[in-house]
Amino acid sequence: MPQSDRLRESSPQPTNLIGPQVRWMRERLSLTQDELAGRLSRYGLELDYVKIGQIENGKRRVVDLELVGFARALGVSVDWLLCGREGRL
């Protein structure tokens, strides 16, 4: 079996679609994970830097309320988080 096939089989699949987009926008806004957690708390979401890191790394699922909260906290649309389309709020 070629090595690329073995890597594909052993690589865990991400559990969410928005992780890379969250990280990219957070870094573009020069926010730490703690600062993003503070923004999320304004929308009633209590996610600490550990949970945000898990989301960014695709290791934690995201529920719909969190998806909307991330969009608001980062100033982007839900569509942009899900699909990577340009869609700032």
PDB file of N, CA and C in Angstrom:
ATOM      1  N   MET A   1       0.853  -1.183   0.000  1.00  0.00           N
ATOM      2  CA  MET A   1       0.000   0.000   0.000  1.00  0.00           C
ATOM      3  C   MET A   1       0.893   1.239   0.000  1.00  0.00           C
ATOM      4  N   PRO A   2       0.634   2.193  -0.891  1.00  0.00           N
ATOM      5  CA  PRO A   2       1.431   3.417  -0.923  1.00  0.00           C
ATOM      6  C   PRO A   2       1.296   4.188   0.390  1.00  0.00           C
ATOM      7  N   GLN A   3       2.361   4.932   0.730  1.00  0.00           N
ATOM      8  CA  GLN A   3       2.373   5.669   1.986  1.00  0.00           C
ATOM      9  C   GLN A   3       1.232   6.683   2.069  1.00  0.00           C
ATOM     10  N   SER A   4       0.897   7.327   0.953  1.00  0.00           N
ATOM     11  CA  SER A   4      -0.181   8.323   0.984  1.00  0.00           C
ATOM     12  C   SER A   4      -1.507   7.688   1.392  1.00  0.00           C
ATOM     13  N   ASP A   5      -1.757   6.430   0.956  1.00  0.00           N
ATOM     14  CA  ASP A   5      -2.981   5.737   1.350  1.00  0.00           C
ATOM     15  C   ASP A   5      -2.969   5.411   2.838  1.00  0.00           C
ATOM     16  N   ARG A   6      -1.804   5.009   3.351  1.00  0.00           N
ATOM     17  CA  ARG A   6      -1.704   4.715   4.778  1.00  0.00           C
ATOM     18  C   ARG A   6      -1.928   5.971   5.607  1.00  0.00           C
ATOM     19  N   LEU A   7      -1.395   7.105   5.162  1.00  0.00           N
ATOM     20  CA  LEU A   7      -1.596   8.356   5.884  1.00  0.00           C
ATOM     21  C   LEU A   7      -3.064   8.743   5.902  1.00  0.00           C
ATOM     22  N   ARG A   8      -3.726   8.571   4.777  1.00  0.00           N
ATOM     23  CA  ARG A   8      -5.134   8.912   4.686  1.00  0.00           C
ATOM     24  C   ARG A   8      -5.961   8.047   5.633  1.00  0.00           C
ATOM     25  N   GLU A   9      -5.623   6.768   5.727  1.00  0.00           N
ATOM     26  CA  GLU A   9      -6.371   5.866   6.593  1.00  0.00           C
ATOM     27  C   GLU A   9      -6.143   6.175   8.060  1.00  0.00           C
ATOM     28  N   SER A  10      -4.925   6.588   8.427  1.00  0.00           N
ATOM     29  CA  SER A  10      -4.616   6.807   9.829  1.00  0.00           C
ATOM     30  C   SER A  10      -4.895   8.231  10.287  1.00  0.00           C
ATOM     31  N   SER A  11      -5.102   9.161   9.353  1.00  0.00           N
ATOM     32  CA  SER A  11      -5.377  10.540   9.732  1.00  0.00           C
ATOM     33  C   SER A  11      -6.825  10.663  10.195  1.00  0.00           C
ATOM     34  N   PRO A  12      -7.017  11.143  11.422  1.00  0.00           N
ATOM     35  CA  PRO A  12      -8.401  11.294  11.881  1.00  0.00           C
ATOM     36  C   PRO A  12      -9.121  12.381  11.097  1.00  0.00           C
ATOM     37  N   GLN A  13     -10.384  12.151  10.837  1.00  0.00           N
ATOM     38  CA  GLN A  13     -11.189  13.128  10.116  1.00  0.00           C
ATOM     39  C   GLN A  13     -11.600  14.234  11.085  1.00  0.00           C
ATOM     40  N   PRO A  14     -11.603  15.486  10.633  1.00  0.00           N
ATOM     41  CA  PRO A  14     -12.047  16.564  11.522  1.00  0.00           C
ATOM     42  C   PRO A  14     -13.517  16.388  11.886  1.00  0.00           C
ATOM     43  N   THR A  15     -13.875  16.861  13.077  1.00  0.00           N
ATOM     44  CA  THR A  15     -15.257  16.729  13.533  1.00  0.00           C
ATOM     45  C   THR A  15     -16.071  17.996  13.299  1.00  0.00           C
ATOM     46  N   ASN A  16     -15.470  18.992  12.645  1.00  0.00           N
ATOM     47  CA  ASN A  16     -16.215  20.200  12.288  1.00  0.00           C
ATOM     48  C   ASN A  16     -15.637  20.784  11.008  1.00  0.00           C
ATOM     49  N   LEU A  17     -16.379  21.682  10.385  1.00  0.00           N
ATOM     50  CA  LEU A  17     -15.950  22.316   9.140  1.00  0.00           C
ATOM     51  C   LEU A  17     -15.321  23.684   9.352  1.00  0.00           C
ATOM     52  N   ILE A  18     -15.563  24.290  10.510  1.00  0.00           N
ATOM     53  CA  ILE A  18     -15.200  25.698  10.672  1.00  0.00           C
ATOM     54  C   ILE A  18     -13.838  25.948  11.305  1.00  0.00           C
ATOM     55  N   GLY A  19     -13.204  24.916  11.835  1.00  0.00           N
ATOM     56  CA  GLY A  19     -11.948  25.104  12.558  1.00  0.00           C
ATOM     57  C   GLY A  19     -10.891  25.917  11.826  1.00  0.00           C
ATOM     58  N   PRO A  20     -10.548  25.551  10.592  1.00  0.00           N
ATOM     59  CA  PRO A  20      -9.521  26.316   9.876  1.00  0.00           C
ATOM     60  C   PRO A  20      -9.924  27.771   9.629  1.00  0.00           C
ATOM     61  N   GLN A  21     -11.210  27.994   9.366  1.00  0.00           N
ATOM     62  CA  GLN A  21     -11.689  29.359   9.132  1.00  0.00           C
ATOM     63  C   GLN A  21     -11.622  30.182  10.415  1.00  0.00           C
ATOM     64  N   VAL A  22     -11.995  29.579  11.550  1.00  0.00           N
ATOM     65  CA  VAL A  22     -11.927  30.279  12.834  1.00  0.00           C
ATOM     66  C   VAL A  22     -10.488  30.692  13.118  1.00  0.00           C
ATOM     67  N   ARG A  23      -9.561  29.749  12.972  1.00  0.00           N
ATOM     68  CA  ARG A  23      -8.158  30.066  13.245  1.00  0.00           C
ATOM     69  C   ARG A  23      -7.649  31.163  12.308  1.00  0.00           C
ATOM     70  N   TRP A  24      -7.956  31.045  11.017  1.00  0.00           N
ATOM     71  CA  TRP A  24      -7.458  32.017  10.046  1.00  0.00           C
ATOM     72  C   TRP A  24      -7.949  33.420  10.394  1.00  0.00           C
ATOM     73  N   MET A  25      -9.243  33.558  10.667  1.00  0.00           N
ATOM     74  CA  MET A  25      -9.788  34.881  10.963  1.00  0.00           C
ATOM     75  C   MET A  25      -9.306  35.387  12.316  1.00  0.00           C
ATOM     76  N   ARG A  26      -9.224  34.513  13.307  1.00  0.00           N
ATOM     77  CA  ARG A  26      -8.727  34.925  14.625  1.00  0.00           C
ATOM     78  C   ARG A  26      -7.321  35.485  14.502  1.00  0.00           C
ATOM     79  N   GLU A  27      -6.463  34.788  13.765  1.00  0.00           N
ATOM     80  CA  GLU A  27      -5.091  35.260  13.580  1.00  0.00           C
ATOM     81  C   GLU A  27      -5.057  36.539  12.750  1.00  0.00           C
ATOM     82  N   ARG A  28      -5.920  36.640  11.759  1.00  0.00           N
ATOM     83  CA  ARG A  28      -5.967  37.854  10.935  1.00  0.00           C
ATOM     84  C   ARG A  28      -6.371  39.066  11.771  1.00  0.00           C
ATOM     85  N   LEU A  29      -7.233  38.845  12.761  1.00  0.00           N
ATOM     86  CA  LEU A  29      -7.665  39.915  13.662  1.00  0.00           C
ATOM     87  C   LEU A  29      -6.690  40.118  14.826  1.00  0.00           C
ATOM     88  N   SER A  30      -5.609  39.340  14.830  1.00  0.00           N
ATOM     89  CA  SER A  30      -4.592  39.397  15.900  1.00  0.00           C
ATOM     90  C   SER A  30      -5.200  39.151  17.278  1.00  0.00           C
ATOM     91  N   LEU A  31      -6.084  38.166  17.345  1.00  0.00           N
ATOM     92  CA  LEU A  31      -6.706  37.792  18.610  1.00  0.00           C
ATOM     93  C   LEU A  31      -6.067  36.519  19.143  1.00  0.00           C
ATOM     94  N   THR A  32      -5.884  36.453  20.455  1.00  0.00           N
ATOM     95  CA  THR A  32      -5.501  35.193  21.077  1.00  0.00           C
ATOM     96  C   THR A  32      -6.770  34.359  21.253  1.00  0.00           C
ATOM     97  N   GLN A  33      -6.588  33.098  21.580  1.00  0.00           N
ATOM     98  CA  GLN A  33      -7.757  32.259  21.845  1.00  0.00           C
ATOM     99  C   GLN A  33      -8.511  32.772  23.070  1.00  0.00           C
ATOM    100  N   ASP A  34      -7.785  33.283  24.071  1.00  0.00           N
ATOM    101  CA  ASP A  34      -8.442  33.870  25.247  1.00  0.00           C
ATOM    102  C   ASP A  34      -9.268  35.096  24.876  1.00  0.00           C
ATOM    103  N   GLU A  35      -8.741  35.933  24.003  1.00  0.00           N
ATOM    104  CA  GLU A  35      -9.486  37.121  23.573  1.00  0.00           C
ATOM    105  C   GLU A  35     -10.744  36.732  22.796  1.00  0.00           C
ATOM    106  N   LEU A  36     -10.627  35.710  21.960  1.00  0.00           N
ATOM    107  CA  LEU A  36     -11.807  35.224  21.243  1.00  0.00           C
ATOM    108  C   LEU A  36     -12.820  34.662  22.232  1.00  0.00           C
ATOM    109  N   ALA A  37     -12.346  33.968  23.259  1.00  0.00           N
ATOM    110  CA  ALA A  37     -13.248  33.451  24.293  1.00  0.00           C
ATOM    111  C   ALA A  37     -14.015  34.592  24.952  1.00  0.00           C
ATOM    112  N   GLY A  38     -13.342  35.713  25.187  1.00  0.00           N
ATOM    113  CA  GLY A  38     -14.008  36.881  25.753  1.00  0.00           C
ATOM    114  C   GLY A  38     -15.090  37.420  24.841  1.00  0.00           C
ATOM    115  N   ARG A  39     -14.801  37.477  23.552  1.00  0.00           N
ATOM    116  CA  ARG A  39     -15.816  37.932  22.592  1.00  0.00           C
ATOM    117  C   ARG A  39     -17.006  36.978  22.574  1.00  0.00           C
ATOM    118  N   LEU A  40     -16.722  35.675  22.610  1.00  0.00           N
ATOM    119  CA  LEU A  40     -17.800  34.684  22.586  1.00  0.00           C
ATOM    120  C   LEU A  40     -18.685  34.787  23.826  1.00  0.00           C
ATOM    121  N   SER A  41     -18.083  35.129  24.963  1.00  0.00           N
ATOM    122  CA  SER A  41     -18.870  35.228  26.198  1.00  0.00           C
ATOM    123  C   SER A  41     -19.912  36.339  26.103  1.00  0.00           C
ATOM    124  N   ARG A  42     -19.664  37.357  25.283  1.00  0.00           N
ATOM    125  CA  ARG A  42     -20.660  38.426  25.082  1.00  0.00           C
ATOM    126  C   ARG A  42     -21.928  37.891  24.419  1.00  0.00           C
ATOM    127  N   TYR A  43     -21.806  36.756  23.754  1.00  0.00           N
ATOM    128  CA  TYR A  43     -22.956  36.131  23.086  1.00  0.00           C
ATOM    129  C   TYR A  43     -23.469  34.924  23.872  1.00  0.00           C
ATOM    130  N   GLY A  44     -23.057  34.837  25.144  1.00  0.00           N
ATOM    131  CA  GLY A  44     -23.546  33.776  26.010  1.00  0.00           C
ATOM    132  C   GLY A  44     -22.855  32.442  25.838  1.00  0.00           C
ATOM    133  N   LEU A  45     -21.708  32.424  25.172  1.00  0.00           N
ATOM    134  CA  LEU A  45     -20.973  31.173  24.961  1.00  0.00           C
ATOM    135  C   LEU A  45     -19.753  31.136  25.868  1.00  0.00           C
ATOM    136  N   GLU A  46     -19.681  30.116  26.688  1.00  0.00           N
ATOM    137  CA  GLU A  46     -18.551  29.972  27.601  1.00  0.00           C
ATOM    138  C   GLU A  46     -17.604  28.898  27.070  1.00  0.00           C
ATOM    139  N   LEU A  47     -16.733  29.310  26.171  1.00  0.00           N
ATOM    140  CA  LEU A  47     -15.717  28.419  25.610  1.00  0.00           C
ATOM    141  C   LEU A  47     -14.360  28.975  26.003  1.00  0.00           C
ATOM    142  N   ASP A  48     -13.531  28.154  26.647  1.00  0.00           N
ATOM    143  CA  ASP A  48     -12.198  28.625  27.014  1.00  0.00           C
ATOM    144  C   ASP A  48     -11.218  28.357  25.875  1.00  0.00           C
ATOM    145  N   TYR A  49      -9.956  28.769  26.080  1.00  0.00           N
ATOM    146  CA  TYR A  49      -8.956  28.625  25.019  1.00  0.00           C
ATOM    147  C   TYR A  49      -8.726  27.168  24.647  1.00  0.00           C
ATOM    148  N   VAL A  50      -8.895  26.250  25.591  1.00  0.00           N
ATOM    149  CA  VAL A  50      -8.700  24.827  25.294  1.00  0.00           C
ATOM    150  C   VAL A  50      -9.765  24.356  24.299  1.00  0.00           C
ATOM    151  N   LYS A  51     -11.010  24.695  24.553  1.00  0.00           N
ATOM    152  CA  LYS A  51     -12.097  24.287  23.655  1.00  0.00           C
ATOM    153  C   LYS A  51     -11.964  24.957  22.291  1.00  0.00           C
ATOM    154  N   ILE A  52     -11.555  26.233  22.285  1.00  0.00           N
ATOM    155  CA  ILE A  52     -11.352  26.917  21.008  1.00  0.00           C
ATOM    156  C   ILE A  52     -10.237  26.234  20.228  1.00  0.00           C
ATOM    157  N   GLY A  53      -9.162  25.850  20.899  1.00  0.00           N
ATOM    158  CA  GLY A  53      -8.075  25.120  20.239  1.00  0.00           C
ATOM    159  C   GLY A  53      -8.551  23.795  19.675  1.00  0.00           C
ATOM    160  N   GLN A  54      -9.396  23.095  20.417  1.00  0.00           N
ATOM    161  CA  GLN A  54      -9.941  21.827  19.929  1.00  0.00           C
ATOM    162  C   GLN A  54     -10.803  22.047  18.690  1.00  0.00           C
ATOM    163  N   ILE A  55     -11.572  23.117  18.688  1.00  0.00           N
ATOM    164  CA  ILE A  55     -12.398  23.436  17.516  1.00  0.00           C
ATOM    165  C   ILE A  55     -11.502  23.769  16.336  1.00  0.00           C
ATOM    166  N   GLU A  56     -10.501  24.619  16.549  1.00  0.00           N
ATOM    167  CA  GLU A  56      -9.597  25.005  15.466  1.00  0.00           C
ATOM    168  C   GLU A  56      -8.857  23.807  14.886  1.00  0.00           C
ATOM    169  N   ASN A  57      -8.584  22.813  15.721  1.00  0.00           N
ATOM    170  CA  ASN A  57      -7.872  21.616  15.273  1.00  0.00           C
ATOM    171  C   ASN A  57      -8.806  20.507  14.800  1.00  0.00           C
ATOM    172  N   GLY A  58     -10.103  20.784  14.741  1.00  0.00           N
ATOM    173  CA  GLY A  58     -11.063  19.798  14.252  1.00  0.00           C
ATOM    174  C   GLY A  58     -11.306  18.650  15.197  1.00  0.00           C
ATOM    175  N   LYS A  59     -11.043  18.840  16.496  1.00  0.00           N
ATOM    176  CA  LYS A  59     -11.190  17.754  17.465  1.00  0.00           C
ATOM    177  C   LYS A  59     -12.431  17.888  18.332  1.00  0.00           C
ATOM    178  N   ARG A  60     -13.207  18.934  18.116  1.00  0.00           N
ATOM    179  CA  ARG A  60     -14.431  19.145  18.889  1.00  0.00           C
ATOM    180  C   ARG A  60     -15.546  19.573  17.946  1.00  0.00           C
ATOM    181  N   ARG A  61     -16.708  18.992  18.155  1.00  0.00           N
ATOM    182  CA  ARG A  61     -17.876  19.369  17.353  1.00  0.00           C
ATOM    183  C   ARG A  61     -18.355  20.762  17.750  1.00  0.00           C
ATOM    184  N   VAL A  62     -19.082  21.393  16.839  1.00  0.00           N
ATOM    185  CA  VAL A  62     -19.635  22.722  17.071  1.00  0.00           C
ATOM    186  C   VAL A  62     -21.145  22.639  16.892  1.00  0.00           C
ATOM    187  N   VAL A  63     -21.886  23.149  17.868  1.00  0.00           N
ATOM    188  CA  VAL A  63     -23.349  23.174  17.744  1.00  0.00           C
ATOM    189  C   VAL A  63     -23.770  24.475  17.072  1.00  0.00           C
ATOM    190  N   ASP A  64     -25.014  24.528  16.640  1.00  0.00           N
ATOM    191  CA  ASP A  64     -25.484  25.674  15.862  1.00  0.00           C
ATOM    192  C   ASP A  64     -25.338  27.007  16.593  1.00  0.00           C
ATOM    193  N   LEU A  65     -25.629  27.056  17.880  1.00  0.00           N
ATOM    194  CA  LEU A  65     -25.487  28.305  18.628  1.00  0.00           C
ATOM    195  C   LEU A  65     -24.032  28.771  18.662  1.00  0.00           C
ATOM    196  N   GLU A  66     -23.108  27.824  18.750  1.00  0.00           N
ATOM    197  CA  GLU A  66     -21.686  28.180  18.730  1.00  0.00           C
ATOM    198  C   GLU A  66     -21.284  28.709  17.360  1.00  0.00           C
ATOM    199  N   LEU A  67     -21.814  28.104  16.309  1.00  0.00           N
ATOM    200  CA  LEU A  67     -21.525  28.554  14.952  1.00  0.00           C
ATOM    201  C   LEU A  67     -21.923  30.016  14.776  1.00  0.00           C
ATOM    202  N   VAL A  68     -23.119  30.357  15.216  1.00  0.00           N
ATOM    203  CA  VAL A  68     -23.591  31.739  15.116  1.00  0.00           C
ATOM    204  C   VAL A  68     -22.730  32.652  15.985  1.00  0.00           C
ATOM    205  N   GLY A  69     -22.376  32.203  17.177  1.00  0.00           N
ATOM    206  CA  GLY A  69     -21.529  33.001  18.062  1.00  0.00           C
ATOM    207  C   GLY A  69     -20.160  33.271  17.471  1.00  0.00           C
ATOM    208  N   PHE A  70     -19.547  32.262  16.868  1.00  0.00           N
ATOM    209  CA  PHE A  70     -18.248  32.464  16.216  1.00  0.00           C
ATOM    210  C   PHE A  70     -18.370  33.475  15.083  1.00  0.00           C
ATOM    211  N   ALA A  71     -19.428  33.360  14.296  1.00  0.00           N
ATOM    212  CA  ALA A  71     -19.614  34.305  13.190  1.00  0.00           C
ATOM    213  C   ALA A  71     -19.703  35.733  13.721  1.00  0.00           C
ATOM    214  N   ARG A  72     -20.500  35.944  14.746  1.00  0.00           N
ATOM    215  CA  ARG A  72     -20.649  37.292  15.314  1.00  0.00           C
ATOM    216  C   ARG A  72     -19.343  37.780  15.932  1.00  0.00           C
ATOM    217  N   ALA A  73     -18.696  36.922  16.703  1.00  0.00           N
ATOM    218  CA  ALA A  73     -17.465  37.321  17.395  1.00  0.00           C
ATOM    219  C   ALA A  73     -16.344  37.661  16.422  1.00  0.00           C
ATOM    220  N   LEU A  74     -16.338  37.009  15.265  1.00  0.00           N
ATOM    221  CA  LEU A  74     -15.277  37.240  14.277  1.00  0.00           C
ATOM    222  C   LEU A  74     -15.694  38.225  13.188  1.00  0.00           C
ATOM    223  N   GLY A  75     -16.964  38.630  13.173  1.00  0.00           N
ATOM    224  CA  GLY A  75     -17.436  39.590  12.179  1.00  0.00           C
ATOM    225  C   GLY A  75     -17.536  39.029  10.777  1.00  0.00           C
ATOM    226  N   VAL A  76     -17.898  37.751  10.691  1.00  0.00           N
ATOM    227  CA  VAL A  76     -18.061  37.099   9.389  1.00  0.00           C
ATOM    228  C   VAL A  76     -19.431  36.445   9.348  1.00  0.00           C
ATOM    229  N   SER A  77     -19.817  35.954   8.192  1.00  0.00           N
ATOM    230  CA  SER A  77     -21.099  35.257   8.078  1.00  0.00           C
ATOM    231  C   SER A  77     -20.932  33.772   8.406  1.00  0.00           C
ATOM    232  N   VAL A  78     -22.035  33.147   8.754  1.00  0.00           N
ATOM    233  CA  VAL A  78     -22.044  31.700   8.962  1.00  0.00           C
ATOM    234  C   VAL A  78     -21.615  31.001   7.678  1.00  0.00           C
ATOM    235  N   ASP A  79     -22.087  31.509   6.544  1.00  0.00           N
ATOM    236  CA  ASP A  79     -21.720  30.940   5.246  1.00  0.00           C
ATOM    237  C   ASP A  79     -20.204  30.955   5.060  1.00  0.00           C
ATOM    238  N   TRP A  80     -19.566  32.050   5.430  1.00  0.00           N
ATOM    239  CA  TRP A  80     -18.107  32.142   5.281  1.00  0.00           C
ATOM    240  C   TRP A  80     -17.415  31.105   6.152  1.00  0.00           C
ATOM    241  N   LEU A  81     -17.891  30.936   7.384  1.00  0.00           N
ATOM    242  CA  LEU A  81     -17.287  29.937   8.264  1.00  0.00           C
ATOM    243  C   LEU A  81     -17.434  28.533   7.693  1.00  0.00           C
ATOM    244  N   LEU A  82     -18.584  28.244   7.118  1.00  0.00           N
ATOM    245  CA  LEU A  82     -18.835  26.900   6.596  1.00  0.00           C
ATOM    246  C   LEU A  82     -18.183  26.645   5.247  1.00  0.00           C
ATOM    247  N   CYS A  83     -18.155  27.665   4.398  1.00  0.00           N
ATOM    248  CA  CYS A  83     -17.742  27.451   3.009  1.00  0.00           C
ATOM    249  C   CYS A  83     -16.513  28.243   2.589  1.00  0.00           C
ATOM    250  N   GLY A  84     -16.066  29.156   3.413  1.00  0.00           N
ATOM    251  CA  GLY A  84     -14.907  29.951   3.052  1.00  0.00           C
ATOM    252  C   GLY A  84     -15.207  31.047   2.056  1.00  0.00           C
ATOM    253  N   ARG A  85     -16.475  31.368   1.879  1.00  0.00           N
ATOM    254  CA  ARG A  85     -16.844  32.436   0.953  1.00  0.00           C
ATOM    255  C   ARG A  85     -16.641  33.779   1.623  1.00  0.00           C
ATOM    256  N   GLU A  86     -16.380  34.790   0.810  1.00  0.00           N
ATOM    257  CA  GLU A  86     -16.267  36.140   1.348  1.00  0.00           C
ATOM    258  C   GLU A  86     -17.661  36.604   1.729  1.00  0.00           C
ATOM    259  N   GLY A  87     -17.864  36.840   2.991  1.00  0.00           N
ATOM    260  CA  GLY A  87     -19.186  37.242   3.438  1.00  0.00           C
ATOM    261  C   GLY A  87     -19.146  37.892   4.801  1.00  0.00           C
ATOM    262  N   ARG A  88     -18.447  39.005   4.930  1.00  0.00           N
ATOM    263  CA  ARG A  88     -18.376  39.692   6.228  1.00  0.00           C
ATOM    264  C   ARG A  88     -19.730  40.280   6.578  1.00  0.00           C
ATOM    265  N   LEU A  89     -20.056  40.216   7.854  1.00  0.00           N
ATOM    266  CA  LEU A  89     -21.315  40.811   8.341  1.00  0.00           C
ATOM    267  C   LEU A  89     -21.183  42.309   8.430  1.00  0.00           C
TER     268      LEU A  89
END
